[in-house]
Amino acid sequence: MDSRQRHENVEVETRNVEERNDNSMVASTFIKYAAYLIIFFGLLYFLINYVFPMF
């Protein structure tokens, strides 16, 4: 009975975690990295088609 009383007096802390998802921030980040990829592949295309054939 003594252990049962101890368990009844225990307070349980609950935490509500809310994720903040700003869609405009996600979209702008996607656009930024998509631009990086386009520039990267454009540079690769230029190197392969114009610079490497010179060697």
N, C-alpha and C. Protein backbone atom coordinates (compact mmCIF):
# COMPACT_ATOMS: atom_id res chain seq x y z
N MET A 1 0.82 -1.18 0.00
CA MET A 1 0.00 0.00 0.00
C MET A 1 0.87 1.26 0.00
N ASP A 2 2.02 1.18 0.64
CA ASP A 2 2.90 2.34 0.73
C ASP A 2 3.44 2.71 -0.65
N SER A 3 3.79 1.68 -1.43
CA SER A 3 4.31 1.96 -2.77
C SER A 3 3.20 2.49 -3.68
N ARG A 4 1.98 2.06 -3.43
CA ARG A 4 0.86 2.53 -4.25
C ARG A 4 0.62 4.02 -4.00
N GLN A 5 0.78 4.45 -2.79
CA GLN A 5 0.60 5.86 -2.46
C GLN A 5 1.66 6.72 -3.14
N ARG A 6 2.86 6.22 -3.21
CA ARG A 6 3.94 6.97 -3.87
C ARG A 6 3.63 7.17 -5.35
N HIS A 7 3.10 6.15 -6.01
CA HIS A 7 2.79 6.25 -7.43
C HIS A 7 1.64 7.22 -7.70
N GLU A 8 0.71 7.34 -6.78
CA GLU A 8 -0.42 8.23 -6.99
C GLU A 8 -0.01 9.69 -6.87
N ASN A 9 1.05 9.99 -6.15
CA ASN A 9 1.48 11.37 -5.94
C ASN A 9 2.47 11.86 -6.99
N VAL A 10 2.79 11.03 -7.94
CA VAL A 10 3.76 11.44 -8.96
C VAL A 10 3.06 12.32 -9.99
N GLU A 11 3.64 13.48 -10.25
CA GLU A 11 3.07 14.38 -11.26
C GLU A 11 3.76 14.09 -12.60
N VAL A 12 2.97 13.99 -13.62
CA VAL A 12 3.49 13.72 -14.94
C VAL A 12 3.52 15.01 -15.72
N GLU A 13 4.71 15.34 -16.24
CA GLU A 13 4.85 16.56 -17.03
C GLU A 13 4.64 16.23 -18.49
N THR A 14 3.73 16.93 -19.11
CA THR A 14 3.50 16.73 -20.53
C THR A 14 4.01 17.95 -21.28
N ARG A 15 4.58 17.67 -22.43
CA ARG A 15 5.15 18.74 -23.25
C ARG A 15 4.53 18.68 -24.63
N ASN A 16 3.99 19.77 -25.08
CA ASN A 16 3.42 19.84 -26.42
C ASN A 16 4.42 20.57 -27.31
N VAL A 17 4.93 19.84 -28.30
CA VAL A 17 5.89 20.42 -29.23
C VAL A 17 5.16 20.70 -30.54
N GLU A 18 5.14 21.96 -30.93
CA GLU A 18 4.49 22.33 -32.17
C GLU A 18 5.56 22.68 -33.20
N GLU A 19 5.49 22.02 -34.34
CA GLU A 19 6.44 22.31 -35.40
C GLU A 19 5.96 23.52 -36.17
N ARG A 20 6.85 24.47 -36.34
CA ARG A 20 6.52 25.64 -37.15
C ARG A 20 7.08 25.39 -38.54
N ASN A 21 6.20 25.38 -39.50
CA ASN A 21 6.60 25.12 -40.87
C ASN A 21 6.17 26.30 -41.72
N ASP A 22 7.12 27.18 -42.02
CA ASP A 22 6.83 28.35 -42.83
C ASP A 22 7.00 27.97 -44.29
N ASN A 23 5.88 27.88 -45.01
CA ASN A 23 5.93 27.39 -46.39
C ASN A 23 6.71 28.33 -47.31
N SER A 24 6.66 29.62 -47.05
CA SER A 24 7.41 30.53 -47.91
C SER A 24 8.91 30.33 -47.72
N MET A 25 9.32 30.01 -46.50
CA MET A 25 10.74 29.77 -46.23
C MET A 25 11.18 28.47 -46.92
N VAL A 26 10.34 27.46 -46.88
CA VAL A 26 10.66 26.19 -47.53
C VAL A 26 10.76 26.39 -49.03
N ALA A 27 9.84 27.14 -49.61
CA ALA A 27 9.84 27.37 -51.06
C ALA A 27 11.07 28.16 -51.49
N SER A 28 11.43 29.18 -50.72
CA SER A 28 12.59 29.98 -51.11
C SER A 28 13.88 29.17 -50.99
N THR A 29 13.96 28.31 -50.01
CA THR A 29 15.14 27.45 -49.87
C THR A 29 15.22 26.46 -51.03
N PHE A 30 14.08 25.91 -51.41
CA PHE A 30 14.06 24.99 -52.56
C PHE A 30 14.50 25.70 -53.83
N ILE A 31 14.01 26.91 -54.04
CA ILE A 31 14.37 27.67 -55.24
C ILE A 31 15.87 27.98 -55.24
N LYS A 32 16.40 28.31 -54.06
CA LYS A 32 17.82 28.63 -53.97
C LYS A 32 18.68 27.43 -54.35
N TYR A 33 18.37 26.26 -53.79
CA TYR A 33 19.18 25.08 -54.10
C TYR A 33 18.94 24.59 -55.52
N ALA A 34 17.74 24.78 -56.06
CA ALA A 34 17.49 24.43 -57.46
C ALA A 34 18.34 25.31 -58.37
N ALA A 35 18.47 26.59 -58.02
CA ALA A 35 19.32 27.49 -58.81
C ALA A 35 20.78 27.05 -58.73
N TYR A 36 21.23 26.65 -57.55
CA TYR A 36 22.60 26.14 -57.41
C TYR A 36 22.82 24.94 -58.32
N LEU A 37 21.85 24.02 -58.35
CA LEU A 37 21.99 22.83 -59.20
C LEU A 37 22.01 23.19 -60.67
N ILE A 38 21.17 24.12 -61.09
CA ILE A 38 21.14 24.53 -62.49
C ILE A 38 22.48 25.16 -62.89
N ILE A 39 23.01 26.02 -62.03
CA ILE A 39 24.31 26.64 -62.31
C ILE A 39 25.41 25.58 -62.38
N PHE A 40 25.38 24.63 -61.44
CA PHE A 40 26.39 23.58 -61.42
C PHE A 40 26.35 22.74 -62.69
N PHE A 41 25.16 22.30 -63.09
CA PHE A 41 25.06 21.47 -64.30
C PHE A 41 25.34 22.29 -65.55
N GLY A 42 25.01 23.58 -65.54
CA GLY A 42 25.36 24.44 -66.66
C GLY A 42 26.86 24.57 -66.80
N LEU A 43 27.56 24.71 -65.68
CA LEU A 43 29.02 24.77 -65.71
C LEU A 43 29.62 23.45 -66.20
N LEU A 44 29.08 22.35 -65.74
CA LEU A 44 29.55 21.04 -66.22
C LEU A 44 29.32 20.89 -67.73
N TYR A 45 28.17 21.31 -68.21
CA TYR A 45 27.86 21.25 -69.64
C TYR A 45 28.87 22.08 -70.44
N PHE A 46 29.14 23.28 -69.95
CA PHE A 46 30.11 24.14 -70.62
C PHE A 46 31.49 23.49 -70.66
N LEU A 47 31.92 22.94 -69.54
CA LEU A 47 33.24 22.30 -69.49
C LEU A 47 33.33 21.12 -70.44
N ILE A 48 32.30 20.28 -70.44
CA ILE A 48 32.34 19.07 -71.26
C ILE A 48 32.28 19.41 -72.75
N ASN A 49 31.47 20.39 -73.14
CA ASN A 49 31.29 20.67 -74.56
C ASN A 49 32.30 21.65 -75.14
N TYR A 50 32.87 22.53 -74.35
CA TYR A 50 33.73 23.57 -74.92
C TYR A 50 35.18 23.52 -74.43
N VAL A 51 35.40 23.15 -73.20
CA VAL A 51 36.76 23.19 -72.67
C VAL A 51 37.48 21.86 -72.89
N PHE A 52 36.87 20.74 -72.57
CA PHE A 52 37.54 19.45 -72.71
C PHE A 52 37.89 19.10 -74.16
N PRO A 53 37.08 19.45 -75.16
CA PRO A 53 37.48 19.12 -76.55
C PRO A 53 38.74 19.86 -77.00
N MET A 54 39.13 20.91 -76.32
CA MET A 54 40.34 21.64 -76.70
C MET A 54 41.60 20.84 -76.38
N PHE A 55 41.52 19.89 -75.47
CA PHE A 55 42.70 19.13 -75.08
C PHE A 55 42.92 17.91 -75.92
